[in-house]
C-alpha atoms as a PDB file:
ATOM      1  CA  MET A   1      11.490  27.408   7.988  1.00  0.00           C
ATOM      2  CA  PRO A   2       8.369  27.872   5.812  1.00  0.00           C
ATOM      3  CA  LEU A   3       5.907  25.006   5.600  1.00  0.00           C
ATOM      4  CA  ASP A   4       5.553  22.982   2.426  1.00  0.00           C
ATOM      5  CA  PRO A   5       2.117  23.284   0.787  1.00  0.00           C
ATOM      6  CA  PHE A   6      -0.306  20.419   1.248  1.00  0.00           C
ATOM      7  CA  PRO A   7      -0.453  18.498  -2.050  1.00  0.00           C
ATOM      8  CA  SER A   8      -3.829  18.235  -3.748  1.00  0.00           C
ATOM      9  CA  VAL A   9      -2.676  15.671  -6.333  1.00  0.00           C
ATOM     10  CA  VAL A  10      -0.061  12.905  -6.181  1.00  0.00           C
ATOM     11  CA  GLN A  11       1.175  10.801  -9.069  1.00  0.00           C
ATOM     12  CA  PRO A  12       1.834   7.353  -7.539  1.00  0.00           C
ATOM     13  CA  MET A  13       5.230   5.707  -7.791  1.00  0.00           C
ATOM     14  CA  LEU A  14       4.703   2.475  -9.743  1.00  0.00           C
ATOM     15  CA  PRO A  15       6.761  -0.734  -9.533  1.00  0.00           C
ATOM     16  CA  THR A  16       8.137  -2.478 -12.595  1.00  0.00           C
ATOM     17  CA  LEU A  17       7.163  -6.125 -13.058  1.00  0.00           C
ATOM     18  CA  PHE A  18      10.173  -8.379 -12.388  1.00  0.00           C
ATOM     19  CA  LYS A  19      10.406 -12.148 -12.710  1.00  0.00           C
ATOM     20  CA  THR A  20      13.173 -13.301 -10.387  1.00  0.00           C
ATOM     21  CA  PRO A  21      13.347 -12.785  -6.590  1.00  0.00           C
ATOM     22  CA  PHE A  22      16.672 -11.643  -5.183  1.00  0.00           C
ATOM     23  CA  SER A  23      18.341 -10.786  -1.891  1.00  0.00           C
ATOM     24  CA  ASN A  24      20.231  -7.548  -1.317  1.00  0.00           C
ATOM     25  CA  PRO A  25      20.976  -5.688   1.952  1.00  0.00           C
ATOM     26  CA  HIS A  26      20.204  -2.345   0.260  1.00  0.00           C
ATOM     27  CA  TRP A  27      16.642  -3.363  -0.587  1.00  0.00           C
ATOM     28  CA  ILE A  28      13.512  -3.907   1.501  1.00  0.00           C
ATOM     29  CA  PHE A  29      10.724  -6.357   0.700  1.00  0.00           C
ATOM     30  CA  GLU A  30       6.995  -5.889   1.375  1.00  0.00           C
ATOM     31  CA  PRO A  31       3.941  -8.060   0.734  1.00  0.00           C
ATOM     32  CA  LYS A  32       1.951  -7.085  -2.365  1.00  0.00           C
ATOM     33  CA  TRP A  33      -1.605  -6.638  -1.100  1.00  0.00           C
ATOM     34  CA  ASP A  34      -4.371  -7.735  -3.446  1.00  0.00           C
ATOM     35  CA  GLY A  35      -6.455  -4.575  -3.253  1.00  0.00           C
ATOM     36  CA  TYR A  36      -7.018  -1.077  -4.633  1.00  0.00           C
ATOM     37  CA  ARG A  37      -3.968   1.172  -4.725  1.00  0.00           C
ATOM     38  CA  ALA A  38      -4.929   4.519  -3.222  1.00  0.00           C
ATOM     39  CA  ILE A  39      -3.343   7.755  -2.064  1.00  0.00           C
ATOM     40  CA  CYS A  40      -4.790   8.772   1.308  1.00  0.00           C
ATOM     41  CA  PHE A  41      -5.059  12.512   2.066  1.00  0.00           C
ATOM     42  CA  VAL A  42      -5.775  13.429   5.698  1.00  0.00           C
ATOM     43  CA  ARG A  43      -6.477  17.053   6.615  1.00  0.00           C
ATOM     44  CA  ASN A  44      -8.818  18.934   8.971  1.00  0.00           C
ATOM     45  CA  ASP A  45     -10.082  15.628  10.403  1.00  0.00           C
ATOM     46  CA  GLU A  46     -11.219  14.515   6.955  1.00  0.00           C
ATOM     47  CA  VAL A  47      -9.948  11.779   4.665  1.00  0.00           C
ATOM     48  CA  ARG A  48      -9.864  11.545   0.875  1.00  0.00           C
ATOM     49  CA  LEU A  49      -8.920   8.349  -0.958  1.00  0.00           C
ATOM     50  CA  VAL A  50      -7.819   8.639  -4.589  1.00  0.00           C
ATOM     51  CA  SER A  51      -7.061   5.764  -6.959  1.00  0.00           C
ATOM     52  CA  ARG A  52      -4.033   5.413  -9.216  1.00  0.00           C
ATOM     53  CA  ARG A  53      -6.153   6.782 -12.078  1.00  0.00           C
ATOM     54  CA  ARG A  54      -7.294   9.704  -9.882  1.00  0.00           C
ATOM     55  CA  ASN A  55     -10.795   8.405  -9.206  1.00  0.00           C
ATOM     56  CA  ASP A  56     -12.203   9.395  -5.823  1.00  0.00           C
ATOM     57  CA  LEU A  57     -12.801   6.240  -3.752  1.00  0.00           C
ATOM     58  CA  THR A  58     -13.817   7.959  -0.516  1.00  0.00           C
ATOM     59  CA  ALA A  59     -17.568   7.410  -0.793  1.00  0.00           C
ATOM     60  CA  LYS A  60     -17.087   3.813  -1.923  1.00  0.00           C
ATOM     61  CA  PHE A  61     -15.455   2.883   1.408  1.00  0.00           C
ATOM     62  CA  PRO A  62     -17.312   4.751   4.189  1.00  0.00           C
ATOM     63  CA  VAL A  63     -15.800   2.501   6.883  1.00  0.00           C
ATOM     64  CA  LEU A  64     -12.442   4.202   6.238  1.00  0.00           C
ATOM     65  CA  GLN A  65     -13.789   7.612   7.286  1.00  0.00           C
ATOM     66  CA  SER A  66     -12.343   6.880  10.740  1.00  0.00           C
ATOM     67  CA  ILE A  67      -8.735   7.059   9.483  1.00  0.00           C
ATOM     68  CA  PRO A  68      -8.114  10.628  10.794  1.00  0.00           C
ATOM     69  CA  GLU A  69      -8.966   9.426  14.306  1.00  0.00           C
ATOM     70  CA  SER A  70      -6.221   6.800  14.135  1.00  0.00           C
ATOM     71  CA  ILE A  71      -3.314   8.869  12.838  1.00  0.00           C
ATOM     72  CA  LYS A  72      -0.907  10.856  15.016  1.00  0.00           C
ATOM     73  CA  ALA A  73      -0.725  13.852  12.684  1.00  0.00           C
ATOM     74  CA  LYS A  74      -2.889  16.857  11.845  1.00  0.00           C
ATOM     75  CA  SER A  75      -2.235  16.451   8.131  1.00  0.00           C
ATOM     76  CA  ALA A  76      -0.661  13.638   6.149  1.00  0.00           C
ATOM     77  CA  VAL A  77      -0.489  12.056   2.718  1.00  0.00           C
ATOM     78  CA  MET A  78       0.069   8.300   2.615  1.00  0.00           C
ATOM     79  CA  ASP A  79       0.442   5.765  -0.154  1.00  0.00           C
ATOM     80  CA  GLY A  80      -1.064   2.324   0.329  1.00  0.00           C
ATOM     81  CA  GLU A  81      -3.789  -0.128  -0.607  1.00  0.00           C
ATOM     82  CA  ILE A  82      -7.410  -0.613   0.341  1.00  0.00           C
ATOM     83  CA  VAL A  83      -7.696  -4.306   1.191  1.00  0.00           C
ATOM     84  CA  ALA A  84     -10.488  -6.649   2.252  1.00  0.00           C
ATOM     85  CA  LEU A  85      -9.326  -9.275   4.747  1.00  0.00           C
ATOM     86  CA  ASP A  86     -11.074 -12.538   5.582  1.00  0.00           C
ATOM     87  CA  GLU A  87     -11.253 -14.173   9.020  1.00  0.00           C
ATOM     88  CA  ASN A  88      -7.727 -15.563   8.532  1.00  0.00           C
ATOM     89  CA  GLY A  89      -6.280 -12.160   7.703  1.00  0.00           C
ATOM     90  CA  LEU A  90      -5.877 -13.003   4.012  1.00  0.00           C
ATOM     91  CA  PRO A  91      -6.984 -10.702   1.163  1.00  0.00           C
ATOM     92  CA  CYS A  92     -10.384 -11.385  -0.420  1.00  0.00           C
ATOM     93  CA  PHE A  93     -10.415  -9.182  -3.506  1.00  0.00           C
ATOM     94  CA  ASP A  94     -13.973 -10.038  -4.542  1.00  0.00           C
ATOM     95  CA  ALA A  95     -15.244  -8.340  -1.392  1.00  0.00           C
ATOM     96  CA  LEU A  96     -13.866  -5.026  -2.652  1.00  0.00           C
ATOM     97  CA  ARG A  97     -15.797  -5.256  -5.905  1.00  0.00           C
ATOM     98  CA  SER A  98     -19.091  -6.601  -4.587  1.00  0.00           C
ATOM     99  CA  ARG A  99     -20.867  -6.022  -1.288  1.00  0.00           C
ATOM    100  CA  LYS A 100     -22.619  -9.352  -1.794  1.00  0.00           C
ATOM    101  CA  ALA A 101     -19.234 -11.090  -1.682  1.00  0.00           C
ATOM    102  CA  ALA A 102     -18.063  -9.145   1.362  1.00  0.00           C
ATOM    103  CA  GLY A 103     -19.347 -11.630   3.954  1.00  0.00           C
ATOM    104  CA  ASP A 104     -17.177 -11.401   7.053  1.00  0.00           C
ATOM    105  CA  CYS A 105     -14.336  -9.600   5.273  1.00  0.00           C
ATOM    106  CA  VAL A 106     -13.001  -6.421   6.909  1.00  0.00           C
ATOM    107  CA  ILE A 107     -12.018  -3.379   4.839  1.00  0.00           C
ATOM    108  CA  VAL A 108      -8.710  -1.779   5.907  1.00  0.00           C
ATOM    109  CA  TYR A 109      -6.148   0.648   4.519  1.00  0.00           C
ATOM    110  CA  TYR A 110      -2.603  -0.739   4.537  1.00  0.00           C
ATOM    111  CA  ALA A 111      -0.207   2.226   4.338  1.00  0.00           C
ATOM    112  CA  PHE A 112       3.298   1.572   3.041  1.00  0.00           C
ATOM    113  CA  ASP A 113       4.685   5.083   2.469  1.00  0.00           C
ATOM    114  CA  LEU A 114       4.438   8.571   3.963  1.00  0.00           C
ATOM    115  CA  LEU A 115       4.755  11.450   1.489  1.00  0.00           C
ATOM    116  CA  TYR A 116       3.747  14.424   3.625  1.00  0.00           C
ATOM    117  CA  ARG A 117       3.259  15.115   7.337  1.00  0.00           C
ATOM    118  CA  ASP A 118       2.287  18.298   9.179  1.00  0.00           C
ATOM    119  CA  GLY A 119       3.718  20.801   6.714  1.00  0.00           C
ATOM    120  CA  ARG A 120       6.712  18.758   5.549  1.00  0.00           C
ATOM    121  CA  ASP A 121       7.137  17.187   2.120  1.00  0.00           C
ATOM    122  CA  LEU A 122       8.918  13.861   2.685  1.00  0.00           C
ATOM    123  CA  THR A 123       9.143  12.629  -0.914  1.00  0.00           C
ATOM    124  CA  GLN A 124      12.818  13.557  -1.202  1.00  0.00           C
ATOM    125  CA  ARG A 125      13.776  11.643   1.921  1.00  0.00           C
ATOM    126  CA  PRO A 126      14.997   8.016   1.592  1.00  0.00           C
ATOM    127  CA  LEU A 127      12.269   5.379   1.665  1.00  0.00           C
ATOM    128  CA  ILE A 128      13.574   3.745   4.831  1.00  0.00           C
ATOM    129  CA  GLU A 129      13.262   7.111   6.649  1.00  0.00           C
ATOM    130  CA  ARG A 130       9.760   7.688   5.300  1.00  0.00           C
ATOM    131  CA  LYS A 131       8.659   4.255   6.506  1.00  0.00           C
ATOM    132  CA  ALA A 132      10.091   4.887   9.970  1.00  0.00           C
ATOM    133  CA  ALA A 133       8.164   8.178  10.142  1.00  0.00           C
ATOM    134  CA  LEU A 134       5.026   6.396   8.916  1.00  0.00           C
ATOM    135  CA  LYS A 135       5.247   3.729  11.591  1.00  0.00           C
ATOM    136  CA  ARG A 136       5.478   6.377  14.327  1.00  0.00           C
ATOM    137  CA  ILE A 137       2.153   7.991  13.398  1.00  0.00           C
ATOM    138  CA  LEU A 138       0.107   4.838  12.811  1.00  0.00           C
ATOM    139  CA  PRO A 139      -1.765   2.790  15.432  1.00  0.00           C
ATOM    140  CA  LYS A 140      -0.075  -0.325  16.745  1.00  0.00           C
ATOM    141  CA  GLY A 141      -1.542  -3.779  16.341  1.00  0.00           C
ATOM    142  CA  THR A 142      -3.777  -5.273  13.693  1.00  0.00           C
ATOM    143  CA  LYS A 143      -7.266  -4.214  14.783  1.00  0.00           C
ATOM    144  CA  ALA A 144      -7.502  -0.688  13.353  1.00  0.00           C
ATOM    145  CA  ARG A 145      -8.826   0.246   9.919  1.00  0.00           C
ATOM    146  CA  LEU A 146      -5.488   1.968   9.281  1.00  0.00           C
ATOM    147  CA  ARG A 147      -2.495  -0.399   9.350  1.00  0.00           C
ATOM    148  CA  TYR A 148       1.239  -0.345   8.707  1.00  0.00           C
ATOM    149  CA  THR A 149       2.742  -2.481   5.954  1.00  0.00           C
ATOM    150  CA  ASP A 150       5.809  -4.051   7.519  1.00  0.00           C
ATOM    151  CA  HIS A 151       8.873  -5.183   5.569  1.00  0.00           C
ATOM    152  CA  ILE A 152      12.044  -7.206   5.852  1.00  0.00           C
ATOM    153  CA  VAL A 153      15.503  -6.041   4.859  1.00  0.00           C
ATOM    154  CA  GLY A 154      17.719  -7.910   2.413  1.00  0.00           C
ATOM    155  CA  LYS A 155      16.122 -11.371   2.369  1.00  0.00           C
ATOM    156  CA  GLY A 156      13.911 -11.213  -0.701  1.00  0.00           C
ATOM    157  CA  GLU A 157      14.153 -14.853  -1.753  1.00  0.00           C
ATOM    158  CA  GLN A 158      13.271 -16.101   1.719  1.00  0.00           C
ATOM    159  CA  PHE A 159      10.379 -13.648   1.968  1.00  0.00           C
ATOM    160  CA  LEU A 160       8.869 -14.670  -1.379  1.00  0.00           C
ATOM    161  CA  ALA A 161       9.053 -18.322  -0.318  1.00  0.00           C
ATOM    162  CA  GLU A 162       6.962 -17.459   2.756  1.00  0.00           C
ATOM    163  CA  LEU A 163       4.436 -15.607   0.618  1.00  0.00           C
ATOM    164  CA  GLU A 164       4.234 -18.643  -1.687  1.00  0.00           C
ATOM    165  CA  LYS A 165       3.285 -20.830   1.297  1.00  0.00           C
ATOM    166  CA  ARG A 166       0.455 -18.453   2.211  1.00  0.00           C
ATOM    167  CA  GLU A 167      -0.646 -18.180  -1.442  1.00  0.00           C
ATOM    168  CA  LEU A 168      -0.457 -14.382  -1.371  1.00  0.00           C
ATOM    169  CA  GLU A 169      -0.191 -12.288  -4.532  1.00  0.00           C
ATOM    170  CA  GLY A 170       3.509 -11.476  -4.375  1.00  0.00           C
ATOM    171  CA  MET A 171       5.958  -8.925  -3.042  1.00  0.00           C
ATOM    172  CA  VAL A 172       7.301  -5.494  -3.886  1.00  0.00           C
ATOM    173  CA  SER A 173      11.070  -5.060  -3.726  1.00  0.00           C
ATOM    174  CA  LYS A 174      12.127  -1.480  -2.990  1.00  0.00           C
ATOM    175  CA  ARG A 175      15.517   0.186  -2.916  1.00  0.00           C
ATOM    176  CA  ALA A 176      15.849   1.348   0.698  1.00  0.00           C
ATOM    177  CA  GLY A 177      17.330   4.699  -0.261  1.00  0.00           C
ATOM    178  CA  SER A 178      14.876   5.483  -3.051  1.00  0.00           C
ATOM    179  CA  LEU A 179      13.139   8.849  -3.238  1.00  0.00           C
ATOM    180  CA  TYR A 180       9.442   9.060  -4.093  1.00  0.00           C
ATOM    181  CA  VAL A 181       9.061   9.837  -7.787  1.00  0.00           C
ATOM    182  CA  GLY A 182       5.759   9.539  -9.652  1.00  0.00           C
ATOM    183  CA  GLY A 183       5.485   7.087 -12.521  1.00  0.00           C
ATOM    184  CA  ARG A 184       7.057   3.747 -13.377  1.00  0.00           C
ATOM    185  CA  THR A 185      10.431   3.098 -11.733  1.00  0.00           C
ATOM    186  CA  GLN A 186      13.174   0.484 -11.500  1.00  0.00           C
ATOM    187  CA  ASP A 187      13.676   1.358  -7.818  1.00  0.00           C
ATOM    188  CA  TRP A 188      10.474  -0.572  -6.999  1.00  0.00           C
ATOM    189  CA  LEU A 189      10.012  -4.048  -8.479  1.00  0.00           C
ATOM    190  CA  LYS A 190       6.861  -6.189  -8.346  1.00  0.00           C
ATOM    191  CA  ILE A 191       7.385  -9.963  -8.203  1.00  0.00           C
ATOM    192  CA  LYS A 192       4.397 -12.311  -8.433  1.00  0.00           C
ATOM    193  CA  THR A 193       3.987 -15.617  -6.624  1.00  0.00           C
ATOM    194  CA  THR A 194       2.564 -18.642  -8.450  1.00  0.00           C
ATOM    195  CA  ALA A 195      -0.863 -17.825  -6.998  1.00  0.00           C
ATOM    196  CA  GLY A 196      -0.491 -14.193  -8.047  1.00  0.00           C
ATOM    197  CA  ARG A 197       0.369 -15.101 -11.628  1.00  0.00           C
ATOM    198  CA  GLU A 198      -2.599 -17.479 -11.832  1.00  0.00           C
ATOM    199  CA  GLU A 199      -4.992 -14.859 -10.481  1.00  0.00           C
ATOM    200  CA  MET A 200      -3.664 -12.298 -12.951  1.00  0.00           C
ATOM    201  CA  ARG A 201      -4.256 -14.777 -15.796  1.00  0.00           C
ATOM    202  CA  LYS A 202      -7.855 -15.417 -14.680  1.00  0.00           C
ATOM    203  CA  ARG A 203      -8.665 -11.723 -14.450  1.00  0.00           C
ATOM    204  CA  SER A 204      -7.112 -11.076 -17.855  1.00  0.00           C
ATOM    205  CA  GLU A 205      -9.290 -13.777 -19.403  1.00  0.00           C
ATOM    206  CA  ALA A 206     -12.395 -12.433 -17.646  1.00  0.00           C
ATOM    207  CA  TRP A 207     -11.774  -8.928 -18.992  1.00  0.00           C
ATOM    208  CA  GLN A 208     -11.551 -10.304 -22.540  1.00  0.00           C
ATOM    209  CA  LEU A 209     -14.987 -11.979 -22.324  1.00  0.00           C
END
């Protein structure tokens, strides 16, 4: 079987904003990290990080150059977020924008999808299969710069309640059988927590100043 070509460009799959949490056994639910969405290309022991608007972020985050050392694949394309974590493991978004605000925050890449691995395009495989393949090639534990975004199945309302307690940004609800298609989709839904809505309001006001 011929190998699939390594993609040079990926249009990210984007969630649609949704107001009400729900539970459904055919959906999975992930935390919404408060960071920079980025496609991660790994090839020939090199990494390239590209933003949703196709800006190259690689040089901006030199600490993530070690990603190829952590992955069990010769080539891969992952979707995820660049996140700064404080000493309690919670996102500190200001540390991404300003080195002065970084303090003790640690920069990591939280991968939540695997689009390509060692000559195989995985975008037309169901999400739940792609995530299983992703987990197999990532390091275990929570100490590496490259980390797996875990999920729960079916229990969206319960999961959002837990995120509310931790004052995290929100969650992304994803149809377990969804294929990876670039652009806005109803198969992925973004639901904000109270803290996430408040932070979005503050940033919106700041941008208008």
